[in-house]
Amino acid sequence: MSTLGRHIKAAVEKTNPHASSLPSSQLKTFEKRYDEIVKQGFDVNPREPPKVGEPFNRGRTKQIPKVNFLRRKKDFKSQVLAFMYDFQVPFDNNQASLYVCQVKVKQKVSGCFRTLAGAEQFGRARAYISTARKNAVNIFKAIKDAFGGNPFIPPHN
C-alpha cells in the first residue's frame, strides 16, 4: 500500500502542472491496484465470524486492528486517494498535524485554554506566524508590523 502511494505521488508530480487531476486511465489503474491490495489484506486477515450463542450479541463483532484498518481503507477509498483526484489536496497531512500539535503542546503547558476566545486568538496568532514564515517574511518584523497597524498580507496568486 505504501509503495502504491509513492507510485501515485510520483505520477502526480510528473503530470502536466496545469492539470487538476491524473488522467482517467491512470486513475482507473491506480484504483484497481488499490482495490487488489485491500482484497489481499482481507484474504490474509479474515474477519472474525460472529460468536453464536453469547448473550448480548448485538452490534458489530469486534475485529482485530488490521481488519479495522482494512475496512477504513475500503470505506474511505476516495478520501485516501483524494490527492490524485484533486491536485489541491496534499499527499500527506503533515501540515495539519503540525497545527494540531501546536495546540496540544499549548494545552499541555498551560493545562487548558480558559476560554474559546483565547483558543481562537492563539489559533489566529499561530496562523499569522505560519503564513509569514511560508512567505519568507521575518517573523519578528511581521509581529512588530502587525502591532503597529501594518500587518503582513500575503500576495494573492
N, C-alpha and C. Protein backbone atom coordinates (compact mmCIF):
# COMPACT_ATOMS: atom_id res chain seq x y z
N MET A 1 0.84 -1.19 0.00
CA MET A 1 0.00 0.00 0.00
C MET A 1 0.88 1.25 0.00
N SER A 2 1.95 1.24 0.81
CA SER A 2 2.81 2.42 0.84
C SER A 2 3.55 2.60 -0.48
N THR A 3 3.92 1.48 -1.11
CA THR A 3 4.58 1.56 -2.42
C THR A 3 3.63 2.14 -3.45
N LEU A 4 2.38 1.70 -3.42
CA LEU A 4 1.39 2.25 -4.34
C LEU A 4 1.23 3.75 -4.12
N GLY A 5 1.17 4.17 -2.87
CA GLY A 5 1.06 5.60 -2.57
C GLY A 5 2.21 6.40 -3.15
N ARG A 6 3.42 5.85 -3.02
CA ARG A 6 4.59 6.54 -3.59
C ARG A 6 4.53 6.59 -5.11
N HIS A 7 4.03 5.51 -5.74
CA HIS A 7 3.89 5.49 -7.20
C HIS A 7 2.86 6.55 -7.65
N ILE A 8 1.77 6.63 -6.94
CA ILE A 8 0.75 7.63 -7.29
C ILE A 8 1.32 9.04 -7.12
N LYS A 9 2.03 9.25 -6.02
CA LYS A 9 2.63 10.57 -5.77
C LYS A 9 3.59 10.93 -6.90
N ALA A 10 4.41 9.97 -7.33
CA ALA A 10 5.35 10.21 -8.43
C ALA A 10 4.59 10.54 -9.72
N ALA A 11 3.49 9.84 -9.97
CA ALA A 11 2.69 10.11 -11.17
C ALA A 11 2.09 11.51 -11.11
N VAL A 12 1.63 11.91 -9.93
CA VAL A 12 1.07 13.26 -9.76
C VAL A 12 2.14 14.31 -10.04
N GLU A 13 3.35 14.08 -9.54
CA GLU A 13 4.44 15.05 -9.73
C GLU A 13 4.88 15.15 -11.18
N LYS A 14 4.73 14.06 -11.95
CA LYS A 14 5.13 14.05 -13.36
C LYS A 14 4.05 14.61 -14.28
N THR A 15 2.83 14.74 -13.78
CA THR A 15 1.71 15.20 -14.60
C THR A 15 1.86 16.68 -14.95
N ASN A 16 1.29 17.04 -16.06
CA ASN A 16 1.28 18.43 -16.52
C ASN A 16 0.91 19.36 -15.36
N PRO A 17 1.70 20.39 -15.10
CA PRO A 17 1.41 21.28 -13.96
C PRO A 17 0.08 22.03 -14.09
N HIS A 18 -0.48 22.09 -15.29
CA HIS A 18 -1.75 22.79 -15.47
C HIS A 18 -2.95 21.86 -15.28
N ALA A 19 -2.69 20.56 -15.11
CA ALA A 19 -3.78 19.60 -14.90
C ALA A 19 -4.27 19.69 -13.46
N SER A 20 -5.50 19.30 -13.23
CA SER A 20 -6.05 19.33 -11.88
C SER A 20 -6.16 17.94 -11.27
N SER A 21 -6.00 16.89 -12.10
CA SER A 21 -6.01 15.52 -11.60
C SER A 21 -5.28 14.63 -12.61
N LEU A 22 -5.08 13.38 -12.21
CA LEU A 22 -4.46 12.42 -13.13
C LEU A 22 -5.43 12.08 -14.25
N PRO A 23 -4.91 11.66 -15.40
CA PRO A 23 -5.81 11.21 -16.48
C PRO A 23 -6.66 10.02 -16.03
N SER A 24 -7.85 9.90 -16.59
CA SER A 24 -8.80 8.86 -16.13
C SER A 24 -8.22 7.45 -16.27
N SER A 25 -7.40 7.21 -17.29
CA SER A 25 -6.81 5.87 -17.46
C SER A 25 -5.89 5.54 -16.28
N GLN A 26 -5.10 6.52 -15.85
CA GLN A 26 -4.23 6.30 -14.69
C GLN A 26 -5.05 6.17 -13.41
N LEU A 27 -6.10 6.96 -13.27
CA LEU A 27 -6.95 6.86 -12.09
C LEU A 27 -7.51 5.45 -11.96
N LYS A 28 -8.02 4.91 -13.06
CA LYS A 28 -8.60 3.56 -13.05
C LYS A 28 -7.55 2.51 -12.71
N THR A 29 -6.34 2.65 -13.26
CA THR A 29 -5.26 1.70 -12.97
C THR A 29 -4.91 1.72 -11.48
N PHE A 30 -4.75 2.92 -10.93
CA PHE A 30 -4.39 3.03 -9.52
C PHE A 30 -5.53 2.57 -8.60
N GLU A 31 -6.77 2.88 -8.98
CA GLU A 31 -7.92 2.43 -8.18
C GLU A 31 -7.99 0.91 -8.16
N LYS A 32 -7.77 0.29 -9.32
CA LYS A 32 -7.81 -1.17 -9.41
C LYS A 32 -6.72 -1.78 -8.53
N ARG A 33 -5.52 -1.23 -8.60
CA ARG A 33 -4.42 -1.76 -7.78
C ARG A 33 -4.72 -1.57 -6.29
N TYR A 34 -5.27 -0.44 -5.92
CA TYR A 34 -5.66 -0.17 -4.54
C TYR A 34 -6.65 -1.22 -4.05
N ASP A 35 -7.69 -1.49 -4.87
CA ASP A 35 -8.69 -2.49 -4.50
C ASP A 35 -8.07 -3.88 -4.35
N GLU A 36 -7.13 -4.21 -5.24
CA GLU A 36 -6.45 -5.51 -5.15
C GLU A 36 -5.67 -5.64 -3.84
N ILE A 37 -4.99 -4.57 -3.46
CA ILE A 37 -4.20 -4.60 -2.22
C ILE A 37 -5.11 -4.76 -1.01
N VAL A 38 -6.22 -4.04 -0.99
CA VAL A 38 -7.16 -4.16 0.13
C VAL A 38 -7.72 -5.58 0.17
N LYS A 39 -8.07 -6.14 -0.99
CA LYS A 39 -8.58 -7.51 -1.04
C LYS A 39 -7.54 -8.50 -0.53
N GLN A 40 -6.28 -8.33 -0.93
CA GLN A 40 -5.21 -9.20 -0.44
C GLN A 40 -5.10 -9.10 1.08
N GLY A 41 -5.26 -7.91 1.60
CA GLY A 41 -5.20 -7.71 3.04
C GLY A 41 -6.31 -8.47 3.76
N PHE A 42 -7.53 -8.42 3.19
CA PHE A 42 -8.64 -9.16 3.78
C PHE A 42 -8.43 -10.68 3.66
N ASP A 43 -7.80 -11.12 2.55
CA ASP A 43 -7.53 -12.55 2.39
C ASP A 43 -6.56 -13.05 3.46
N VAL A 44 -5.58 -12.23 3.80
CA VAL A 44 -4.58 -12.61 4.80
C VAL A 44 -5.13 -12.42 6.22
N ASN A 45 -6.01 -11.47 6.40
CA ASN A 45 -6.59 -11.15 7.72
C ASN A 45 -8.11 -11.25 7.65
N PRO A 46 -8.65 -12.49 7.65
CA PRO A 46 -10.11 -12.60 7.52
C PRO A 46 -10.83 -12.02 8.72
N ARG A 47 -12.06 -11.59 8.47
CA ARG A 47 -12.89 -11.04 9.54
C ARG A 47 -13.26 -12.15 10.51
N GLU A 48 -13.42 -11.77 11.76
CA GLU A 48 -13.85 -12.72 12.80
C GLU A 48 -15.31 -13.06 12.55
N PRO A 49 -15.66 -14.36 12.58
CA PRO A 49 -17.08 -14.70 12.44
C PRO A 49 -17.84 -14.31 13.70
N PRO A 50 -19.12 -13.98 13.58
CA PRO A 50 -19.88 -13.63 14.78
C PRO A 50 -19.96 -14.83 15.72
N LYS A 51 -19.85 -14.56 17.01
CA LYS A 51 -19.91 -15.62 18.01
C LYS A 51 -21.38 -15.93 18.28
N VAL A 52 -21.74 -17.18 18.07
CA VAL A 52 -23.12 -17.61 18.21
C VAL A 52 -23.37 -18.05 19.66
N GLY A 53 -24.52 -17.68 20.17
CA GLY A 53 -24.94 -18.16 21.47
C GLY A 53 -24.49 -17.32 22.65
N GLU A 54 -23.69 -16.29 22.42
CA GLU A 54 -23.27 -15.45 23.53
C GLU A 54 -24.36 -14.45 23.85
N PRO A 55 -24.57 -14.17 25.13
CA PRO A 55 -25.59 -13.17 25.48
C PRO A 55 -25.19 -11.78 25.00
N PHE A 56 -26.16 -10.97 24.76
CA PHE A 56 -25.94 -9.58 24.32
C PHE A 56 -25.13 -9.54 23.03
N ASN A 57 -25.51 -10.36 22.08
CA ASN A 57 -24.80 -10.45 20.81
C ASN A 57 -25.37 -9.42 19.84
N ARG A 58 -25.21 -8.13 20.19
CA ARG A 58 -25.73 -7.06 19.34
C ARG A 58 -24.58 -6.27 18.74
N GLY A 59 -24.88 -5.60 17.65
CA GLY A 59 -23.89 -4.73 17.02
C GLY A 59 -22.84 -5.52 16.25
N ARG A 60 -21.79 -4.80 15.85
CA ARG A 60 -20.72 -5.43 15.10
C ARG A 60 -19.87 -6.33 15.98
N THR A 61 -19.33 -7.37 15.37
CA THR A 61 -18.39 -8.24 16.06
C THR A 61 -17.05 -7.50 16.16
N LYS A 62 -16.43 -7.55 17.31
CA LYS A 62 -15.14 -6.89 17.49
C LYS A 62 -14.12 -7.54 16.56
N GLN A 63 -13.34 -6.70 15.88
CA GLN A 63 -12.35 -7.18 14.91
C GLN A 63 -10.94 -6.84 15.39
N ILE A 64 -9.98 -7.54 14.79
CA ILE A 64 -8.58 -7.23 15.10
C ILE A 64 -8.24 -5.89 14.44
N PRO A 65 -7.24 -5.17 14.96
CA PRO A 65 -6.90 -3.85 14.41
C PRO A 65 -6.60 -3.87 12.91
N LYS A 66 -5.98 -4.92 12.41
CA LYS A 66 -5.66 -4.98 10.97
C LYS A 66 -6.93 -4.97 10.12
N VAL A 67 -7.95 -5.69 10.56
CA VAL A 67 -9.21 -5.74 9.82
C VAL A 67 -9.90 -4.37 9.88
N ASN A 68 -9.86 -3.74 11.04
CA ASN A 68 -10.44 -2.39 11.17
C ASN A 68 -9.73 -1.42 10.23
N PHE A 69 -8.39 -1.52 10.16
CA PHE A 69 -7.61 -0.67 9.26
C PHE A 69 -8.02 -0.91 7.82
N LEU A 70 -8.12 -2.18 7.42
CA LEU A 70 -8.51 -2.52 6.05
C LEU A 70 -9.92 -2.02 5.74
N ARG A 71 -10.82 -2.17 6.70
CA ARG A 71 -12.19 -1.70 6.48
C ARG A 71 -12.22 -0.18 6.25
N ARG A 72 -11.41 0.55 7.03
CA ARG A 72 -11.35 2.01 6.81
C ARG A 72 -10.75 2.33 5.44
N LYS A 73 -9.73 1.58 5.03
CA LYS A 73 -9.13 1.80 3.70
C LYS A 73 -10.17 1.54 2.61
N LYS A 74 -11.00 0.54 2.81
CA LYS A 74 -12.04 0.21 1.82
C LYS A 74 -13.16 1.26 1.84
N ASP A 75 -13.64 1.61 3.03
CA ASP A 75 -14.77 2.52 3.16
C ASP A 75 -14.42 3.96 2.79
N PHE A 76 -13.18 4.37 3.00
CA PHE A 76 -12.76 5.75 2.76
C PHE A 76 -11.77 5.86 1.61
N LYS A 77 -11.93 5.02 0.63
CA LYS A 77 -11.01 4.97 -0.52
C LYS A 77 -10.88 6.34 -1.20
N SER A 78 -11.99 7.01 -1.45
CA SER A 78 -11.92 8.29 -2.17
C SER A 78 -11.17 9.35 -1.34
N GLN A 79 -11.29 9.29 0.00
CA GLN A 79 -10.56 10.24 0.83
C GLN A 79 -9.07 9.91 0.87
N VAL A 80 -8.74 8.61 0.91
CA VAL A 80 -7.33 8.20 0.95
C VAL A 80 -6.64 8.60 -0.35
N LEU A 81 -7.34 8.47 -1.47
CA LEU A 81 -6.75 8.76 -2.78
C LEU A 81 -7.09 10.16 -3.28
N ALA A 82 -7.61 11.01 -2.44
CA ALA A 82 -8.06 12.35 -2.85
C ALA A 82 -6.97 13.14 -3.56
N PHE A 83 -5.71 12.95 -3.18
CA PHE A 83 -4.62 13.74 -3.77
C PHE A 83 -4.42 13.44 -5.25
N MET A 84 -4.90 12.29 -5.74
CA MET A 84 -4.74 12.00 -7.17
C MET A 84 -5.95 12.49 -7.98
N TYR A 85 -7.08 12.69 -7.31
CA TYR A 85 -8.28 13.22 -7.97
C TYR A 85 -8.26 14.74 -8.04
N ASP A 86 -7.63 15.36 -7.06
CA ASP A 86 -7.59 16.83 -6.97
C ASP A 86 -6.21 17.24 -6.49
N PHE A 87 -5.45 17.87 -7.35
CA PHE A 87 -4.07 18.23 -7.01
C PHE A 87 -3.97 19.31 -5.93
N GLN A 88 -5.09 19.91 -5.56
CA GLN A 88 -5.08 20.88 -4.47
C GLN A 88 -4.96 20.17 -3.11
N VAL A 89 -5.28 18.88 -3.07
CA VAL A 89 -5.20 18.10 -1.83
C VAL A 89 -3.76 17.61 -1.67
N PRO A 90 -3.13 17.86 -0.52
CA PRO A 90 -1.75 17.41 -0.34
C PRO A 90 -1.67 15.89 -0.20
N PHE A 91 -0.50 15.35 -0.51
CA PHE A 91 -0.27 13.90 -0.41
C PHE A 91 -0.36 13.42 1.02
N ASP A 92 0.12 14.22 1.95
CA ASP A 92 0.08 13.82 3.35
C ASP A 92 -0.60 14.91 4.18
N ASN A 93 -0.79 14.63 5.44
CA ASN A 93 -1.43 15.62 6.31
C ASN A 93 -0.44 16.17 7.34
N ASN A 94 0.83 16.20 6.98
CA ASN A 94 1.85 16.65 7.92
C ASN A 94 1.59 18.08 8.40
N GLN A 95 1.18 18.96 7.49
CA GLN A 95 0.96 20.35 7.88
C GLN A 95 -0.19 20.44 8.88
N ALA A 96 -1.26 19.72 8.63
CA ALA A 96 -2.39 19.72 9.57
C ALA A 96 -1.96 19.16 10.92
N SER A 97 -1.14 18.12 10.90
CA SER A 97 -0.65 17.53 12.15
C SER A 97 0.17 18.54 12.94
N LEU A 98 0.99 19.32 12.23
CA LEU A 98 1.80 20.33 12.91
C LEU A 98 0.91 21.36 13.60
N TYR A 99 -0.16 21.78 12.95
CA TYR A 99 -1.05 22.77 13.55
C TYR A 99 -1.73 22.21 14.79
N VAL A 100 -2.20 20.97 14.70
CA VAL A 100 -2.84 20.34 15.86
C VAL A 100 -1.83 20.17 16.99
N CYS A 101 -0.61 19.78 16.63
CA CYS A 101 0.44 19.57 17.63
C CYS A 101 0.71 20.85 18.42
N GLN A 102 0.73 21.99 17.75
CA GLN A 102 0.97 23.26 18.44
C GLN A 102 -0.10 23.53 19.49
N VAL A 103 -1.33 23.24 19.16
CA VAL A 103 -2.43 23.46 20.10
C VAL A 103 -2.30 22.50 21.28
N LYS A 104 -1.96 21.25 21.00
CA LYS A 104 -1.83 20.26 22.07
C LYS A 104 -0.67 20.61 23.01
N VAL A 105 0.43 21.09 22.47
CA VAL A 105 1.56 21.49 23.33
C VAL A 105 1.14 22.65 24.21
N LYS A 106 0.48 23.64 23.64
CA LYS A 106 0.00 24.79 24.42
C LYS A 106 -0.94 24.32 25.52
N GLN A 107 -1.82 23.38 25.20
CA GLN A 107 -2.76 22.84 26.18
C GLN A 107 -2.03 22.14 27.31
N LYS A 108 -1.01 21.35 26.97
CA LYS A 108 -0.27 20.61 28.00
C LYS A 108 0.53 21.54 28.90
N VAL A 109 1.11 22.59 28.31
CA VAL A 109 1.93 23.51 29.10
C VAL A 109 1.07 24.30 30.07
N SER A 110 -0.04 24.84 29.60
CA SER A 110 -0.85 25.69 30.47
C SER A 110 -2.05 24.97 31.06
N GLY A 111 -2.24 23.71 30.72
CA GLY A 111 -3.34 22.94 31.28
C GLY A 111 -4.58 22.97 30.42
N CYS A 112 -4.92 24.11 29.88
CA CYS A 112 -6.08 24.22 29.01
C CYS A 112 -6.19 25.66 28.51
N PHE A 113 -7.10 25.87 27.60
CA PHE A 113 -7.46 27.23 27.23
C PHE A 113 -8.60 27.63 28.15
N ARG A 114 -8.52 28.79 28.74
CA ARG A 114 -9.55 29.19 29.70
C ARG A 114 -10.86 29.55 29.02
N THR A 115 -10.76 30.09 27.80
CA THR A 115 -11.98 30.45 27.07
C THR A 115 -11.83 30.06 25.61
N LEU A 116 -12.95 29.96 24.93
CA LEU A 116 -12.93 29.70 23.50
C LEU A 116 -12.26 30.86 22.77
N ALA A 117 -12.51 32.07 23.24
CA ALA A 117 -11.89 33.25 22.62
C ALA A 117 -10.37 33.17 22.71
N GLY A 118 -9.85 32.70 23.83
CA GLY A 118 -8.40 32.55 23.98
C GLY A 118 -7.83 31.53 23.01
N ALA A 119 -8.54 30.43 22.83
CA ALA A 119 -8.11 29.41 21.88
C ALA A 119 -8.13 29.95 20.45
N GLU A 120 -9.18 30.73 20.12
CA GLU A 120 -9.27 31.31 18.78
C GLU A 120 -8.15 32.32 18.54
N GLN A 121 -7.83 33.13 19.55
CA GLN A 121 -6.74 34.10 19.43
C GLN A 121 -5.40 33.39 19.23
N PHE A 122 -5.19 32.30 19.98
CA PHE A 122 -3.97 31.52 19.82
C PHE A 122 -3.88 30.99 18.39
N GLY A 123 -5.00 30.47 17.87
CA GLY A 123 -5.02 29.94 16.51
C GLY A 123 -4.73 31.01 15.47
N ARG A 124 -5.31 32.20 15.65
CA ARG A 124 -5.06 33.29 14.70
C ARG A 124 -3.59 33.73 14.74
N ALA A 125 -3.03 33.82 15.94
CA ALA A 125 -1.63 34.23 16.06
C ALA A 125 -0.71 33.20 15.40
N ARG A 126 -0.97 31.91 15.64
CA ARG A 126 -0.15 30.85 15.04
C ARG A 126 -0.30 30.85 13.52
N ALA A 127 -1.51 31.07 13.01
CA ALA A 127 -1.73 31.10 11.57
C ALA A 127 -0.99 32.27 10.93
N TYR A 128 -1.00 33.43 11.60
CA TYR A 128 -0.30 34.61 11.10
C TYR A 128 1.19 34.33 11.02
N ILE A 129 1.74 33.77 12.08
CA ILE A 129 3.18 33.46 12.11
C ILE A 129 3.52 32.43 11.03
N SER A 130 2.70 31.41 10.88
CA SER A 130 2.93 30.38 9.87
C SER A 130 2.89 30.97 8.46
N THR A 131 1.93 31.85 8.21
CA THR A 131 1.82 32.49 6.89
C THR A 131 3.05 33.34 6.61
N ALA A 132 3.50 34.09 7.60
CA ALA A 132 4.70 34.92 7.42
C ALA A 132 5.90 34.02 7.12
N ARG A 133 6.04 32.93 7.86
CA ARG A 133 7.17 32.02 7.66
C ARG A 133 7.14 31.42 6.26
N LYS A 134 5.97 31.01 5.79
CA LYS A 134 5.85 30.39 4.46
C LYS A 134 6.17 31.38 3.35
N ASN A 135 6.02 32.66 3.63
CA ASN A 135 6.30 33.70 2.63
C ASN A 135 7.67 34.34 2.83
N ALA A 136 8.53 33.68 3.62
CA ALA A 136 9.91 34.13 3.87
C ALA A 136 9.97 35.54 4.43
N VAL A 137 9.02 35.88 5.30
CA VAL A 137 9.00 37.18 5.96
C VAL A 137 9.56 36.99 7.36
N ASN A 138 10.38 37.92 7.81
CA ASN A 138 10.93 37.86 9.16
C ASN A 138 9.77 37.89 10.15
N ILE A 139 9.70 36.87 10.99
CA ILE A 139 8.56 36.72 11.90
C ILE A 139 8.48 37.88 12.90
N PHE A 140 9.61 38.26 13.47
CA PHE A 140 9.61 39.36 14.45
C PHE A 140 9.17 40.67 13.81
N LYS A 141 9.62 40.90 12.58
CA LYS A 141 9.19 42.11 11.87
C LYS A 141 7.69 42.05 11.58
N ALA A 142 7.20 40.87 11.19
CA ALA A 142 5.77 40.71 10.89
C ALA A 142 4.92 40.99 12.13
N ILE A 143 5.37 40.48 13.28
CA ILE A 143 4.63 40.72 14.53
C ILE A 143 4.68 42.20 14.90
N LYS A 144 5.86 42.80 14.79
CA LYS A 144 6.01 44.23 15.11
C LYS A 144 5.13 45.07 14.19
N ASP A 145 5.13 44.74 12.90
CA ASP A 145 4.29 45.47 11.95
C ASP A 145 2.81 45.30 12.25
N ALA A 146 2.41 44.09 12.66
CA ALA A 146 1.00 43.84 12.99
C ALA A 146 0.57 44.71 14.16
N PHE A 147 1.41 44.79 15.20
CA PHE A 147 1.08 45.64 16.35
C PHE A 147 1.13 47.12 15.99
N GLY A 148 1.91 47.46 14.96
CA GLY A 148 1.99 48.84 14.51
C GLY A 148 0.86 49.23 13.56
N GLY A 149 -0.04 48.29 13.29
CA GLY A 149 -1.18 48.59 12.41
C GLY A 149 -0.93 48.34 10.95
N ASN A 150 0.19 47.70 10.61
CA ASN A 150 0.53 47.42 9.22
C ASN A 150 0.86 45.93 9.08
N PRO A 151 -0.14 45.03 9.22
CA PRO A 151 0.16 43.60 9.20
C PRO A 151 0.58 43.12 7.82
N PHE A 152 1.38 42.06 7.81
CA PHE A 152 1.78 41.41 6.56
C PHE A 152 0.57 40.74 5.97
N ILE A 153 0.31 41.01 4.69
CA ILE A 153 -0.78 40.34 3.96
C ILE A 153 -0.13 39.67 2.75
N PRO A 154 -0.24 38.35 2.66
CA PRO A 154 0.43 37.65 1.56
C PRO A 154 -0.19 38.01 0.21
N PRO A 155 0.62 37.97 -0.84
CA PRO A 155 0.08 38.27 -2.18
C PRO A 155 -0.85 37.16 -2.63
N HIS A 156 -1.87 37.52 -3.39
CA HIS A 156 -2.80 36.51 -3.92
C HIS A 156 -2.23 35.97 -5.22
N ASN A 157 -2.35 34.67 -5.40
CA ASN A 157 -1.85 34.06 -6.64
C ASN A 157 -2.88 34.10 -7.71
